Amino acid sequence: MMDQALLFLLLLLGIGIAAKNNSLIFAVALLLVIKVAGTDQKIFEAIQSKGVNWGVTIITIAVLAPIASGAIGFKELTDAVKSPYAWIALGSGILVALIAKGGVSLLQNDPHITVALVLGTVLAVALFKGIAVGPLIGAGIAYSAMRVYEWISQI
């Protein structure tokens, strides 16, 4: 009988292929190779405990690359703050970072919520051509909604 995790990964690979989502295909294929090679125990443990932080670091590098390359400098920064859209973007960046902060702890401490978040992200990617940054911000939104629910249920 086929391993349930392997079957689940193959299903996700099929969804990724059907949705033509290269990020999902790559991620699932990498996990399948690790699993089939038999090196999954230690590697998956490391990915589960540190993967979110690694991902945030990679995204941060990608966002800062235009500064490092010189494409964005102080002139662009001073020009940007003159725009109302820049102030909206600044506020949005602050808000999403604060929301995601709660999401990191939720993803690390509540595995059954992670399953629902991953499923929601996969569905959004496959059905609506979304981008798979959803688990972290989704967890932050879920964390915030849970706190609101707890507050309301105590009234």
C-alpha atoms as a PDB file:
ATOM      1  CA  MET A   1       0.000   0.000   0.000  1.00  0.00           C
ATOM      2  CA  MET A   2       1.264   3.488  -0.886  1.00  0.00           C
ATOM      3  CA  ASP A   3       2.347   5.800   1.908  1.00  0.00           C
ATOM      4  CA  GLN A   4      -0.371   8.382   2.675  1.00  0.00           C
ATOM      5  CA  ALA A   5       2.133  11.266   2.630  1.00  0.00           C
ATOM      6  CA  LEU A   6       3.466  10.142  -0.749  1.00  0.00           C
ATOM      7  CA  LEU A   7      -0.047   9.903  -2.159  1.00  0.00           C
ATOM      8  CA  PHE A   8      -0.896  13.366  -0.817  1.00  0.00           C
ATOM      9  CA  LEU A   9       2.263  14.826  -2.387  1.00  0.00           C
ATOM     10  CA  LEU A  10       1.447  13.183  -5.724  1.00  0.00           C
ATOM     11  CA  LEU A  11      -2.050  14.705  -5.570  1.00  0.00           C
ATOM     12  CA  LEU A  12      -0.518  18.138  -4.888  1.00  0.00           C
ATOM     13  CA  LEU A  13       1.913  17.608  -7.766  1.00  0.00           C
ATOM     14  CA  GLY A  14      -1.032  16.854 -10.057  1.00  0.00           C
ATOM     15  CA  ILE A  15      -2.783  20.020  -8.880  1.00  0.00           C
ATOM     16  CA  GLY A  16       0.399  22.016  -9.482  1.00  0.00           C
ATOM     17  CA  ILE A  17       0.755  20.616 -12.983  1.00  0.00           C
ATOM     18  CA  ALA A  18      -2.925  21.204 -13.795  1.00  0.00           C
ATOM     19  CA  ALA A  19      -2.659  24.772 -12.479  1.00  0.00           C
ATOM     20  CA  LYS A  20       0.671  25.283 -14.298  1.00  0.00           C
ATOM     21  CA  ASN A  21       2.147  26.626 -11.053  1.00  0.00           C
ATOM     22  CA  ASN A  22       5.911  26.197 -11.225  1.00  0.00           C
ATOM     23  CA  SER A  23       6.483  27.097  -7.567  1.00  0.00           C
ATOM     24  CA  LEU A  24       4.092  24.409  -6.369  1.00  0.00           C
ATOM     25  CA  ILE A  25       5.496  21.865  -8.849  1.00  0.00           C
ATOM     26  CA  PHE A  26       9.078  22.584  -7.741  1.00  0.00           C
ATOM     27  CA  ALA A  27       8.238  22.471  -4.027  1.00  0.00           C
ATOM     28  CA  VAL A  28       6.328  19.194  -4.252  1.00  0.00           C
ATOM     29  CA  ALA A  29       8.903  17.609  -6.578  1.00  0.00           C
ATOM     30  CA  LEU A  30      11.704  18.527  -4.167  1.00  0.00           C
ATOM     31  CA  LEU A  31       9.793  17.046  -1.229  1.00  0.00           C
ATOM     32  CA  LEU A  32       9.076  13.897  -3.248  1.00  0.00           C
ATOM     33  CA  VAL A  33      12.776  13.462  -4.094  1.00  0.00           C
ATOM     34  CA  ILE A  34      13.730  13.902  -0.428  1.00  0.00           C
ATOM     35  CA  LYS A  35      11.042  11.408   0.637  1.00  0.00           C
ATOM     36  CA  VAL A  36      11.819   8.785  -2.010  1.00  0.00           C
ATOM     37  CA  ALA A  37      15.571   9.092  -1.293  1.00  0.00           C
ATOM     38  CA  GLY A  38      14.839   8.187   2.336  1.00  0.00           C
ATOM     39  CA  THR A  39      16.451  11.313   3.751  1.00  0.00           C
ATOM     40  CA  ASP A  40      13.148  12.788   4.814  1.00  0.00           C
ATOM     41  CA  GLN A  41      13.282  12.299   8.601  1.00  0.00           C
ATOM     42  CA  LYS A  42      15.980  14.853   9.468  1.00  0.00           C
ATOM     43  CA  ILE A  43      15.474  17.125   6.462  1.00  0.00           C
ATOM     44  CA  PHE A  44      11.709  17.473   6.972  1.00  0.00           C
ATOM     45  CA  GLU A  45      12.256  18.168  10.661  1.00  0.00           C
ATOM     46  CA  ALA A  46      14.639  21.009   9.782  1.00  0.00           C
ATOM     47  CA  ILE A  47      12.304  22.369   7.113  1.00  0.00           C
ATOM     48  CA  GLN A  48       9.333  22.285   9.495  1.00  0.00           C
ATOM     49  CA  SER A  49      11.179  24.037  12.296  1.00  0.00           C
ATOM     50  CA  LYS A  50      13.140  26.605  10.266  1.00  0.00           C
ATOM     51  CA  GLY A  51      11.551  26.697   6.802  1.00  0.00           C
ATOM     52  CA  VAL A  52       9.273  29.672   7.430  1.00  0.00           C
ATOM     53  CA  ASN A  53      12.232  31.729   8.639  1.00  0.00           C
ATOM     54  CA  TRP A  54      14.311  30.630   5.623  1.00  0.00           C
ATOM     55  CA  GLY A  55      11.469  31.636   3.322  1.00  0.00           C
ATOM     56  CA  VAL A  56      11.106  35.039   4.942  1.00  0.00           C
ATOM     57  CA  THR A  57      14.860  35.543   4.585  1.00  0.00           C
ATOM     58  CA  ILE A  58      14.767  34.651   0.868  1.00  0.00           C
ATOM     59  CA  ILE A  59      11.822  36.990   0.272  1.00  0.00           C
ATOM     60  CA  THR A  60      13.624  39.757   2.166  1.00  0.00           C
ATOM     61  CA  ILE A  61      16.723  39.265  -0.002  1.00  0.00           C
ATOM     62  CA  ALA A  62      14.551  39.485  -3.136  1.00  0.00           C
ATOM     63  CA  VAL A  63      12.898  42.689  -1.912  1.00  0.00           C
ATOM     64  CA  LEU A  64      16.252  44.272  -0.976  1.00  0.00           C
ATOM     65  CA  ALA A  65      18.040  43.235  -4.208  1.00  0.00           C
ATOM     66  CA  PRO A  66      17.054  46.447  -6.075  1.00  0.00           C
ATOM     67  CA  ILE A  67      18.684  48.468  -3.290  1.00  0.00           C
ATOM     68  CA  ALA A  68      21.831  46.339  -3.444  1.00  0.00           C
ATOM     69  CA  SER A  69      21.966  46.630  -7.241  1.00  0.00           C
ATOM     70  CA  GLY A  70      21.567  50.411  -7.118  1.00  0.00           C
ATOM     71  CA  ALA A  71      18.200  50.389  -8.922  1.00  0.00           C
ATOM     72  CA  ILE A  72      16.618  51.960  -5.824  1.00  0.00           C
ATOM     73  CA  GLY A  73      18.480  54.629  -3.910  1.00  0.00           C
ATOM     74  CA  PHE A  74      17.837  57.629  -1.710  1.00  0.00           C
ATOM     75  CA  LYS A  75      16.514  59.676  -4.632  1.00  0.00           C
ATOM     76  CA  GLU A  76      13.802  57.080  -5.329  1.00  0.00           C
ATOM     77  CA  LEU A  77      13.015  56.932  -1.613  1.00  0.00           C
ATOM     78  CA  THR A  78      12.578  60.701  -1.337  1.00  0.00           C
ATOM     79  CA  ASP A  79      10.529  60.762  -4.566  1.00  0.00           C
ATOM     80  CA  ALA A  80       8.317  57.956  -3.272  1.00  0.00           C
ATOM     81  CA  VAL A  81       7.381  59.654   0.001  1.00  0.00           C
ATOM     82  CA  LYS A  82       5.881  62.518  -2.007  1.00  0.00           C
ATOM     83  CA  SER A  83       3.210  60.171  -3.351  1.00  0.00           C
ATOM     84  CA  PRO A  84       0.015  59.319  -1.426  1.00  0.00           C
ATOM     85  CA  TYR A  85       0.265  55.803  -2.886  1.00  0.00           C
ATOM     86  CA  ALA A  86       3.693  55.409  -1.304  1.00  0.00           C
ATOM     87  CA  TRP A  87       2.218  56.265   2.101  1.00  0.00           C
ATOM     88  CA  ILE A  88      -0.559  53.732   1.524  1.00  0.00           C
ATOM     89  CA  ALA A  89       2.084  51.141   0.568  1.00  0.00           C
ATOM     90  CA  LEU A  90       4.139  52.026   3.642  1.00  0.00           C
ATOM     91  CA  GLY A  91       1.137  51.572   5.915  1.00  0.00           C
ATOM     92  CA  SER A  92       0.196  48.341   4.168  1.00  0.00           C
ATOM     93  CA  GLY A  93       3.725  47.008   4.576  1.00  0.00           C
ATOM     94  CA  ILE A  94       3.655  47.780   8.293  1.00  0.00           C
ATOM     95  CA  LEU A  95       0.196  46.236   8.715  1.00  0.00           C
ATOM     96  CA  VAL A  96       0.987  43.034   6.829  1.00  0.00           C
ATOM     97  CA  ALA A  97       4.268  42.575   8.742  1.00  0.00           C
ATOM     98  CA  LEU A  98       2.433  42.917  12.044  1.00  0.00           C
ATOM     99  CA  ILE A  99      -0.311  40.522  10.923  1.00  0.00           C
ATOM    100  CA  ALA A 100       2.245  37.978   9.664  1.00  0.00           C
ATOM    101  CA  LYS A 101       4.068  38.116  13.014  1.00  0.00           C
ATOM    102  CA  GLY A 102       1.151  36.308  14.658  1.00  0.00           C
ATOM    103  CA  GLY A 103       1.042  33.912  11.720  1.00  0.00           C
ATOM    104  CA  VAL A 104       4.574  32.672  12.273  1.00  0.00           C
ATOM    105  CA  SER A 105       3.798  31.526  15.803  1.00  0.00           C
ATOM    106  CA  LEU A 106       0.509  29.998  14.670  1.00  0.00           C
ATOM    107  CA  LEU A 107       2.234  27.969  11.934  1.00  0.00           C
ATOM    108  CA  GLN A 108       4.920  26.774  14.339  1.00  0.00           C
ATOM    109  CA  ASN A 109       2.595  25.925  17.243  1.00  0.00           C
ATOM    110  CA  ASP A 110      -0.677  24.718  15.722  1.00  0.00           C
ATOM    111  CA  PRO A 111      -0.149  22.015  13.072  1.00  0.00           C
ATOM    112  CA  HIS A 112      -3.832  21.309  12.384  1.00  0.00           C
ATOM    113  CA  ILE A 113      -4.365  24.946  11.392  1.00  0.00           C
ATOM    114  CA  THR A 114      -1.369  24.667   9.068  1.00  0.00           C
ATOM    115  CA  VAL A 115      -3.144  21.909   7.112  1.00  0.00           C
ATOM    116  CA  ALA A 116      -6.164  24.147   6.478  1.00  0.00           C
ATOM    117  CA  LEU A 117      -3.936  27.093   5.517  1.00  0.00           C
ATOM    118  CA  VAL A 118      -1.882  24.995   3.110  1.00  0.00           C
ATOM    119  CA  LEU A 119      -5.040  23.554   1.562  1.00  0.00           C
ATOM    120  CA  GLY A 120      -6.476  27.059   1.162  1.00  0.00           C
ATOM    121  CA  THR A 121      -3.259  28.256  -0.439  1.00  0.00           C
ATOM    122  CA  VAL A 122      -3.094  25.284  -2.822  1.00  0.00           C
ATOM    123  CA  LEU A 123      -6.724  25.823  -3.840  1.00  0.00           C
ATOM    124  CA  ALA A 124      -6.144  29.541  -4.428  1.00  0.00           C
ATOM    125  CA  VAL A 125      -3.040  28.795  -6.496  1.00  0.00           C
ATOM    126  CA  ALA A 126      -4.697  26.037  -8.498  1.00  0.00           C
ATOM    127  CA  LEU A 127      -8.154  27.535  -9.019  1.00  0.00           C
ATOM    128  CA  PHE A 128      -7.595  31.292  -8.973  1.00  0.00           C
ATOM    129  CA  LYS A 129      -3.969  31.609 -10.152  1.00  0.00           C
ATOM    130  CA  GLY A 130      -2.968  32.960  -6.756  1.00  0.00           C
ATOM    131  CA  ILE A 131       0.587  33.192  -5.461  1.00  0.00           C
ATOM    132  CA  ALA A 132       1.769  30.802  -2.754  1.00  0.00           C
ATOM    133  CA  VAL A 133       2.741  33.390  -0.172  1.00  0.00           C
ATOM    134  CA  GLY A 134      -0.608  32.654   1.430  1.00  0.00           C
ATOM    135  CA  PRO A 135       0.382  30.393   4.324  1.00  0.00           C
ATOM    136  CA  LEU A 136       2.278  33.062   6.225  1.00  0.00           C
ATOM    137  CA  ILE A 137      -0.085  35.977   5.723  1.00  0.00           C
ATOM    138  CA  GLY A 138      -3.041  33.584   5.864  1.00  0.00           C
ATOM    139  CA  ALA A 139      -1.807  32.375   9.234  1.00  0.00           C
ATOM    140  CA  GLY A 140      -1.472  35.970  10.390  1.00  0.00           C
ATOM    141  CA  ILE A 141      -5.008  36.779   9.293  1.00  0.00           C
ATOM    142  CA  ALA A 142      -6.252  33.567  10.914  1.00  0.00           C
ATOM    143  CA  TYR A 143      -4.376  34.405  14.113  1.00  0.00           C
ATOM    144  CA  SER A 144      -5.926  37.882  14.190  1.00  0.00           C
ATOM    145  CA  ALA A 145      -9.408  36.500  13.457  1.00  0.00           C
ATOM    146  CA  MET A 146      -8.988  33.895  16.214  1.00  0.00           C
ATOM    147  CA  ARG A 147      -8.086  36.611  18.720  1.00  0.00           C
ATOM    148  CA  VAL A 148     -11.178  38.616  17.653  1.00  0.00           C
ATOM    149  CA  TYR A 149     -13.343  35.464  17.921  1.00  0.00           C
ATOM    150  CA  GLU A 150     -12.005  34.765  21.424  1.00  0.00           C
ATOM    151  CA  TRP A 151     -12.665  38.351  22.445  1.00  0.00           C
ATOM    152  CA  ILE A 152     -16.238  38.302  21.074  1.00  0.00           C
ATOM    153  CA  SER A 153     -17.010  34.906  22.620  1.00  0.00           C
ATOM    154  CA  GLN A 154     -16.076  36.284  26.062  1.00  0.00           C
ATOM    155  CA  ILE A 155     -18.584  39.145  25.809  1.00  0.00           C
END
